Amino acid sequence: MDLTKTELALQRHRDAVAALDAARADLETEAAAALRSGDATPEDWARVARLTGWSEKELRRLVAAADSLDLR
C-alpha cells in the first residue's frame, strides 16, 4: 500500500488550516483595531460587520477581548 498521496494531501490540509487560522487572526486584529479607534462611528461598525459577516455582538466581544489584552 502506497500512502504517499495520502501523506501529501494531509500536509496540504495542515498547511491550509494553518493559513486559515493565521488569516482569521489577522482579520480579527484589523477589525478590532478599526473599531477601537476613538473616531469609530456606528457606520464603521456596520461596515465591518457587513465585510466580515460577524454580528455587532461578536464584534463587541472581539473588541472587548482586544481591550483586555491591550492589542494596539
PDB file of N, CA and C in Angstrom:
ATOM      1  N   MET A   1       0.855  -1.169   0.000  1.00  0.00           N
ATOM      2  CA  MET A   1       0.000   0.000   0.000  1.00  0.00           C
ATOM      3  C   MET A   1       0.906   1.240   0.000  1.00  0.00           C
ATOM      4  N   ASP A   2       0.635   2.152  -0.943  1.00  0.00           N
ATOM      5  CA  ASP A   2       1.408   3.389  -1.047  1.00  0.00           C
ATOM      6  C   ASP A   2       0.569   4.537  -0.493  1.00  0.00           C
ATOM      7  N   LEU A   3       1.056   5.131   0.577  1.00  0.00           N
ATOM      8  CA  LEU A   3       0.319   6.218   1.225  1.00  0.00           C
ATOM      9  C   LEU A   3       0.902   7.591   0.900  1.00  0.00           C
ATOM     10  N   THR A   4       1.749   7.659  -0.098  1.00  0.00           N
ATOM     11  CA  THR A   4       2.396   8.921  -0.437  1.00  0.00           C
ATOM     12  C   THR A   4       1.384  10.012  -0.758  1.00  0.00           C
ATOM     13  N   LYS A   5       0.400   9.707  -1.578  1.00  0.00           N
ATOM     14  CA  LYS A   5      -0.613  10.717  -1.933  1.00  0.00           C
ATOM     15  C   LYS A   5      -1.425  11.129  -0.715  1.00  0.00           C
ATOM     16  N   THR A   6      -1.704  10.191   0.165  1.00  0.00           N
ATOM     17  CA  THR A   6      -2.443  10.499   1.393  1.00  0.00           C
ATOM     18  C   THR A   6      -1.614  11.427   2.277  1.00  0.00           C
ATOM     19  N   GLU A   7      -0.327  11.138   2.403  1.00  0.00           N
ATOM     20  CA  GLU A   7       0.545  11.988   3.203  1.00  0.00           C
ATOM     21  C   GLU A   7       0.645  13.395   2.618  1.00  0.00           C
ATOM     22  N   LEU A   8       0.733  13.507   1.307  1.00  0.00           N
ATOM     23  CA  LEU A   8       0.783  14.819   0.655  1.00  0.00           C
ATOM     24  C   LEU A   8      -0.521  15.581   0.866  1.00  0.00           C
ATOM     25  N   ALA A   9      -1.634  14.887   0.739  1.00  0.00           N
ATOM     26  CA  ALA A   9      -2.933  15.531   0.958  1.00  0.00           C
ATOM     27  C   ALA A   9      -3.057  15.989   2.404  1.00  0.00           C
ATOM     28  N   LEU A  10      -2.582  15.190   3.329  1.00  0.00           N
ATOM     29  CA  LEU A  10      -2.610  15.560   4.743  1.00  0.00           C
ATOM     30  C   LEU A  10      -1.768  16.807   4.978  1.00  0.00           C
ATOM     31  N   GLN A  11      -0.597  16.884   4.388  1.00  0.00           N
ATOM     32  CA  GLN A  11       0.252  18.059   4.570  1.00  0.00           C
ATOM     33  C   GLN A  11      -0.396  19.298   3.962  1.00  0.00           C
ATOM     34  N   ARG A  12      -0.994  19.161   2.792  1.00  0.00           N
ATOM     35  CA  ARG A  12      -1.701  20.300   2.176  1.00  0.00           C
ATOM     36  C   ARG A  12      -2.842  20.759   3.077  1.00  0.00           C
ATOM     37  N   HIS A  13      -3.549  19.817   3.667  1.00  0.00           N
ATOM     38  CA  HIS A  13      -4.646  20.147   4.573  1.00  0.00           C
ATOM     39  C   HIS A  13      -4.121  20.894   5.789  1.00  0.00           C
ATOM     40  N   ARG A  14      -3.060  20.383   6.394  1.00  0.00           N
ATOM     41  CA  ARG A  14      -2.473  21.057   7.561  1.00  0.00           C
ATOM     42  C   ARG A  14      -2.013  22.470   7.214  1.00  0.00           C
ATOM     43  N   ASP A  15      -1.395  22.617   6.056  1.00  0.00           N
ATOM     44  CA  ASP A  15      -0.942  23.941   5.629  1.00  0.00           C
ATOM     45  C   ASP A  15      -2.120  24.887   5.429  1.00  0.00           C
ATOM     46  N   ALA A  16      -3.193  24.375   4.844  1.00  0.00           N
ATOM     47  CA  ALA A  16      -4.378  25.197   4.609  1.00  0.00           C
ATOM     48  C   ALA A  16      -5.032  25.618   5.917  1.00  0.00           C
ATOM     49  N   VAL A  17      -5.099  24.716   6.874  1.00  0.00           N
ATOM     50  CA  VAL A  17      -5.676  25.037   8.181  1.00  0.00           C
ATOM     51  C   VAL A  17      -4.836  26.110   8.867  1.00  0.00           C
ATOM     52  N   ALA A  18      -3.524  25.966   8.800  1.00  0.00           N
ATOM     53  CA  ALA A  18      -2.633  26.965   9.418  1.00  0.00           C
ATOM     54  C   ALA A  18      -2.798  28.321   8.744  1.00  0.00           C
ATOM     55  N   ALA A  19      -2.906  28.337   7.425  1.00  0.00           N
ATOM     56  CA  ALA A  19      -3.095  29.591   6.700  1.00  0.00           C
ATOM     57  C   ALA A  19      -4.440  30.222   7.049  1.00  0.00           C
ATOM     58  N   LEU A  20      -5.474  29.417   7.156  1.00  0.00           N
ATOM     59  CA  LEU A  20      -6.793  29.924   7.519  1.00  0.00           C
ATOM     60  C   LEU A  20      -6.783  30.505   8.928  1.00  0.00           C
ATOM     61  N   ASP A  21      -6.145  29.810   9.859  1.00  0.00           N
ATOM     62  CA  ASP A  21      -6.052  30.309  11.228  1.00  0.00           C
ATOM     63  C   ASP A  21      -5.309  31.644  11.280  1.00  0.00           C
ATOM     64  N   ALA A  22      -4.225  31.752  10.528  1.00  0.00           N
ATOM     65  CA  ALA A  22      -3.452  32.993  10.503  1.00  0.00           C
ATOM     66  C   ALA A  22      -4.255  34.127   9.870  1.00  0.00           C
ATOM     67  N   ALA A  23      -4.988  33.830   8.808  1.00  0.00           N
ATOM     68  CA  ALA A  23      -5.804  34.850   8.154  1.00  0.00           C
ATOM     69  C   ALA A  23      -6.921  35.326   9.076  1.00  0.00           C
ATOM     70  N   ARG A  24      -7.534  34.423   9.809  1.00  0.00           N
ATOM     71  CA  ARG A  24      -8.598  34.820  10.742  1.00  0.00           C
ATOM     72  C   ARG A  24      -8.034  35.690  11.859  1.00  0.00           C
ATOM     73  N   ALA A  25      -6.876  35.324  12.373  1.00  0.00           N
ATOM     74  CA  ALA A  25      -6.241  36.133  13.420  1.00  0.00           C
ATOM     75  C   ALA A  25      -5.934  37.532  12.895  1.00  0.00           C
ATOM     76  N   ASP A  26      -5.446  37.622  11.674  1.00  0.00           N
ATOM     77  CA  ASP A  26      -5.173  38.929  11.071  1.00  0.00           C
ATOM     78  C   ASP A  26      -6.460  39.735  10.931  1.00  0.00           C
ATOM     79  N   LEU A  27      -7.508  39.090  10.458  1.00  0.00           N
ATOM     80  CA  LEU A  27      -8.780  39.780  10.281  1.00  0.00           C
ATOM     81  C   LEU A  27      -9.335  40.264  11.613  1.00  0.00           C
ATOM     82  N   GLU A  28      -9.261  39.428  12.632  1.00  0.00           N
ATOM     83  CA  GLU A  28      -9.740  39.830  13.956  1.00  0.00           C
ATOM     84  C   GLU A  28      -8.946  41.018  14.486  1.00  0.00           C
ATOM     85  N   THR A  29      -7.632  40.990  14.304  1.00  0.00           N
ATOM     86  CA  THR A  29      -6.777  42.087  14.763  1.00  0.00           C
ATOM     87  C   THR A  29      -7.125  43.388  14.048  1.00  0.00           C
ATOM     88  N   GLU A  30      -7.270  43.321  12.744  1.00  0.00           N
ATOM     89  CA  GLU A  30      -7.565  44.523  11.963  1.00  0.00           C
ATOM     90  C   GLU A  30      -8.955  45.060  12.265  1.00  0.00           C
ATOM     91  N   ALA A  31      -9.922  44.175  12.411  1.00  0.00           N
ATOM     92  CA  ALA A  31     -11.290  44.608  12.724  1.00  0.00           C
ATOM     93  C   ALA A  31     -11.328  45.272  14.093  1.00  0.00           C
ATOM     94  N   ALA A  32     -10.686  44.658  15.070  1.00  0.00           N
ATOM     95  CA  ALA A  32     -10.665  45.235  16.419  1.00  0.00           C
ATOM     96  C   ALA A  32      -9.960  46.589  16.407  1.00  0.00           C
ATOM     97  N   ALA A  33      -8.855  46.686  15.694  1.00  0.00           N
ATOM     98  CA  ALA A  33      -8.124  47.951  15.630  1.00  0.00           C
ATOM     99  C   ALA A  33      -8.973  49.043  14.992  1.00  0.00           C
ATOM    100  N   ALA A  34      -9.702  48.700  13.954  1.00  0.00           N
ATOM    101  CA  ALA A  34     -10.548  49.689  13.282  1.00  0.00           C
ATOM    102  C   ALA A  34     -11.658  50.177  14.197  1.00  0.00           C
ATOM    103  N   LEU A  35     -12.191  49.284  14.993  1.00  0.00           N
ATOM    104  CA  LEU A  35     -13.333  49.640  15.846  1.00  0.00           C
ATOM    105  C   LEU A  35     -12.913  50.232  17.184  1.00  0.00           C
ATOM    106  N   ARG A  36     -11.675  50.032  17.571  1.00  0.00           N
ATOM    107  CA  ARG A  36     -11.188  50.571  18.841  1.00  0.00           C
ATOM    108  C   ARG A  36     -10.772  52.028  18.707  1.00  0.00           C
ATOM    109  N   SER A  37     -10.602  52.493  17.500  1.00  0.00           N
ATOM    110  CA  SER A  37     -10.179  53.883  17.335  1.00  0.00           C
ATOM    111  C   SER A  37     -11.243  54.800  17.917  1.00  0.00           C
ATOM    112  N   GLY A  38     -10.802  55.908  18.474  1.00  0.00           N
ATOM    113  CA  GLY A  38     -11.721  56.821  19.142  1.00  0.00           C
ATOM    114  C   GLY A  38     -12.751  57.439  18.219  1.00  0.00           C
ATOM    115  N   ASP A  39     -12.502  57.406  16.933  1.00  0.00           N
ATOM    116  CA  ASP A  39     -13.430  58.034  15.999  1.00  0.00           C
ATOM    117  C   ASP A  39     -14.276  57.027  15.217  1.00  0.00           C
ATOM    118  N   ALA A  40     -14.345  55.772  15.677  1.00  0.00           N
ATOM    119  CA  ALA A  40     -15.172  54.762  15.010  1.00  0.00           C
ATOM    120  C   ALA A  40     -16.641  55.136  15.166  1.00  0.00           C
ATOM    121  N   THR A  41     -17.332  55.218  14.057  1.00  0.00           N
ATOM    122  CA  THR A  41     -18.744  55.611  14.037  1.00  0.00           C
ATOM    123  C   THR A  41     -19.632  54.364  13.961  1.00  0.00           C
ATOM    124  N   PRO A  42     -20.920  54.530  14.208  1.00  0.00           N
ATOM    125  CA  PRO A  42     -21.835  53.398  14.013  1.00  0.00           C
ATOM    126  C   PRO A  42     -21.777  52.857  12.584  1.00  0.00           C
ATOM    127  N   GLU A  43     -21.521  53.729  11.630  1.00  0.00           N
ATOM    128  CA  GLU A  43     -21.389  53.289  10.237  1.00  0.00           C
ATOM    129  C   GLU A  43     -20.155  52.407  10.061  1.00  0.00           C
ATOM    130  N   ASP A  44     -19.079  52.738  10.784  1.00  0.00           N
ATOM    131  CA  ASP A  44     -17.877  51.902  10.732  1.00  0.00           C
ATOM    132  C   ASP A  44     -18.181  50.511  11.269  1.00  0.00           C
ATOM    133  N   TRP A  45     -18.911  50.459  12.381  1.00  0.00           N
ATOM    134  CA  TRP A  45     -19.297  49.168  12.954  1.00  0.00           C
ATOM    135  C   TRP A  45     -20.136  48.373  11.962  1.00  0.00           C
ATOM    136  N   ALA A  46     -21.076  49.058  11.317  1.00  0.00           N
ATOM    137  CA  ALA A  46     -21.939  48.384  10.342  1.00  0.00           C
ATOM    138  C   ALA A  46     -21.124  47.877   9.155  1.00  0.00           C
ATOM    139  N   ARG A  47     -20.165  48.676   8.715  1.00  0.00           N
ATOM    140  CA  ARG A  47     -19.357  48.277   7.563  1.00  0.00           C
ATOM    141  C   ARG A  47     -18.489  47.073   7.900  1.00  0.00           C
ATOM    142  N   VAL A  48     -17.854  47.087   9.074  1.00  0.00           N
ATOM    143  CA  VAL A  48     -17.025  45.941   9.479  1.00  0.00           C
ATOM    144  C   VAL A  48     -17.899  44.693   9.621  1.00  0.00           C
ATOM    145  N   ALA A  49     -19.077  44.861  10.187  1.00  0.00           N
ATOM    146  CA  ALA A  49     -19.999  43.724  10.313  1.00  0.00           C
ATOM    147  C   ALA A  49     -20.378  43.181   8.937  1.00  0.00           C
ATOM    148  N   ARG A  50     -20.646  44.073   8.010  1.00  0.00           N
ATOM    149  CA  ARG A  50     -21.025  43.650   6.657  1.00  0.00           C
ATOM    150  C   ARG A  50     -19.853  42.949   5.961  1.00  0.00           C
ATOM    151  N   LEU A  51     -18.655  43.509   6.092  1.00  0.00           N
ATOM    152  CA  LEU A  51     -17.488  42.925   5.436  1.00  0.00           C
ATOM    153  C   LEU A  51     -17.131  41.551   5.988  1.00  0.00           C
ATOM    154  N   THR A  52     -17.217  41.407   7.307  1.00  0.00           N
ATOM    155  CA  THR A  52     -16.796  40.157   7.943  1.00  0.00           C
ATOM    156  C   THR A  52     -17.898  39.117   8.049  1.00  0.00           C
ATOM    157  N   GLY A  53     -19.145  39.592   8.063  1.00  0.00           N
ATOM    158  CA  GLY A  53     -20.254  38.678   8.292  1.00  0.00           C
ATOM    159  C   GLY A  53     -20.477  38.391   9.763  1.00  0.00           C
ATOM    160  N   TRP A  54     -19.760  39.123  10.619  1.00  0.00           N
ATOM    161  CA  TRP A  54     -19.896  38.949  12.058  1.00  0.00           C
ATOM    162  C   TRP A  54     -20.942  39.907  12.589  1.00  0.00           C
ATOM    163  N   SER A  55     -21.674  39.484  13.589  1.00  0.00           N
ATOM    164  CA  SER A  55     -22.697  40.333  14.184  1.00  0.00           C
ATOM    165  C   SER A  55     -22.036  41.422  15.032  1.00  0.00           C
ATOM    166  N   GLU A  56     -22.818  42.439  15.345  1.00  0.00           N
ATOM    167  CA  GLU A  56     -22.299  43.503  16.207  1.00  0.00           C
ATOM    168  C   GLU A  56     -21.914  42.932  17.570  1.00  0.00           C
ATOM    169  N   LYS A  57     -22.685  41.971  18.040  1.00  0.00           N
ATOM    170  CA  LYS A  57     -22.379  41.328  19.322  1.00  0.00           C
ATOM    171  C   LYS A  57     -21.019  40.640  19.256  1.00  0.00           C
ATOM    172  N   GLU A  58     -20.766  39.920  18.165  1.00  0.00           N
ATOM    173  CA  GLU A  58     -19.468  39.262  18.006  1.00  0.00           C
ATOM    174  C   GLU A  58     -18.338  40.290  17.944  1.00  0.00           C
ATOM    175  N   LEU A  59     -18.585  41.389  17.242  1.00  0.00           N
ATOM    176  CA  LEU A  59     -17.564  42.432  17.135  1.00  0.00           C
ATOM    177  C   LEU A  59     -17.294  43.078  18.485  1.00  0.00           C
ATOM    178  N   ARG A  60     -18.333  43.312  19.259  1.00  0.00           N
ATOM    179  CA  ARG A  60     -18.136  43.900  20.590  1.00  0.00           C
ATOM    180  C   ARG A  60     -17.319  42.950  21.483  1.00  0.00           C
ATOM    181  N   ARG A  61     -17.590  41.653  21.369  1.00  0.00           N
ATOM    182  CA  ARG A  61     -16.824  40.664  22.126  1.00  0.00           C
ATOM    183  C   ARG A  61     -15.353  40.685  21.688  1.00  0.00           C
ATOM    184  N   LEU A  62     -15.135  40.805  20.392  1.00  0.00           N
ATOM    185  CA  LEU A  62     -13.784  40.857  19.846  1.00  0.00           C
ATOM    186  C   LEU A  62     -13.034  42.094  20.345  1.00  0.00           C
ATOM    187  N   VAL A  63     -13.702  43.234  20.320  1.00  0.00           N
ATOM    188  CA  VAL A  63     -13.084  44.475  20.787  1.00  0.00           C
ATOM    189  C   VAL A  63     -12.809  44.403  22.294  1.00  0.00           C
ATOM    190  N   ALA A  64     -13.741  43.836  23.039  1.00  0.00           N
ATOM    191  CA  ALA A  64     -13.539  43.689  24.486  1.00  0.00           C
ATOM    192  C   ALA A  64     -12.338  42.791  24.770  1.00  0.00           C
ATOM    193  N   ALA A  65     -12.200  41.724  24.004  1.00  0.00           N
ATOM    194  CA  ALA A  65     -11.052  40.823  24.185  1.00  0.00           C
ATOM    195  C   ALA A  65      -9.757  41.556  23.855  1.00  0.00           C
ATOM    196  N   ALA A  66      -9.775  42.338  22.789  1.00  0.00           N
ATOM    197  CA  ALA A  66      -8.584  43.110  22.422  1.00  0.00           C
ATOM    198  C   ALA A  66      -8.257  44.129  23.496  1.00  0.00           C
ATOM    199  N   ASP A  67      -9.286  44.752  24.074  1.00  0.00           N
ATOM    200  CA  ASP A  67      -9.076  45.719  25.160  1.00  0.00           C
ATOM    201  C   ASP A  67      -8.433  45.036  26.364  1.00  0.00           C
ATOM    202  N   SER A  68      -8.885  43.829  26.673  1.00  0.00           N
ATOM    203  CA  SER A  68      -8.346  43.137  27.840  1.00  0.00           C
ATOM    204  C   SER A  68      -6.886  42.736  27.627  1.00  0.00           C
ATOM    205  N   LEU A  69      -6.514  42.531  26.361  1.00  0.00           N
ATOM    206  CA  LEU A  69      -5.126  42.206  26.041  1.00  0.00           C
ATOM    207  C   LEU A  69      -4.328  43.460  25.686  1.00  0.00           C
ATOM    208  N   ASP A  70      -5.040  44.565  25.519  1.00  0.00           N
ATOM    209  CA  ASP A  70      -4.451  45.840  25.088  1.00  0.00           C
ATOM    210  C   ASP A  70      -3.661  45.674  23.806  1.00  0.00           C
ATOM    211  N   LEU A  71      -4.306  45.108  22.786  1.00  0.00           N
ATOM    212  CA  LEU A  71      -3.677  44.897  21.482  1.00  0.00           C
ATOM    213  C   LEU A  71      -3.802  46.171  20.648  1.00  0.00           C
ATOM    214  N   ARG A  72      -2.865  47.012  20.745  1.00  0.00           N
ATOM    215  CA  ARG A  72      -2.848  48.248  19.944  1.00  0.00           C
ATOM    216  C   ARG A  72      -1.697  48.219  18.991  1.00  0.00           C
TER     217      ARG A  72
END
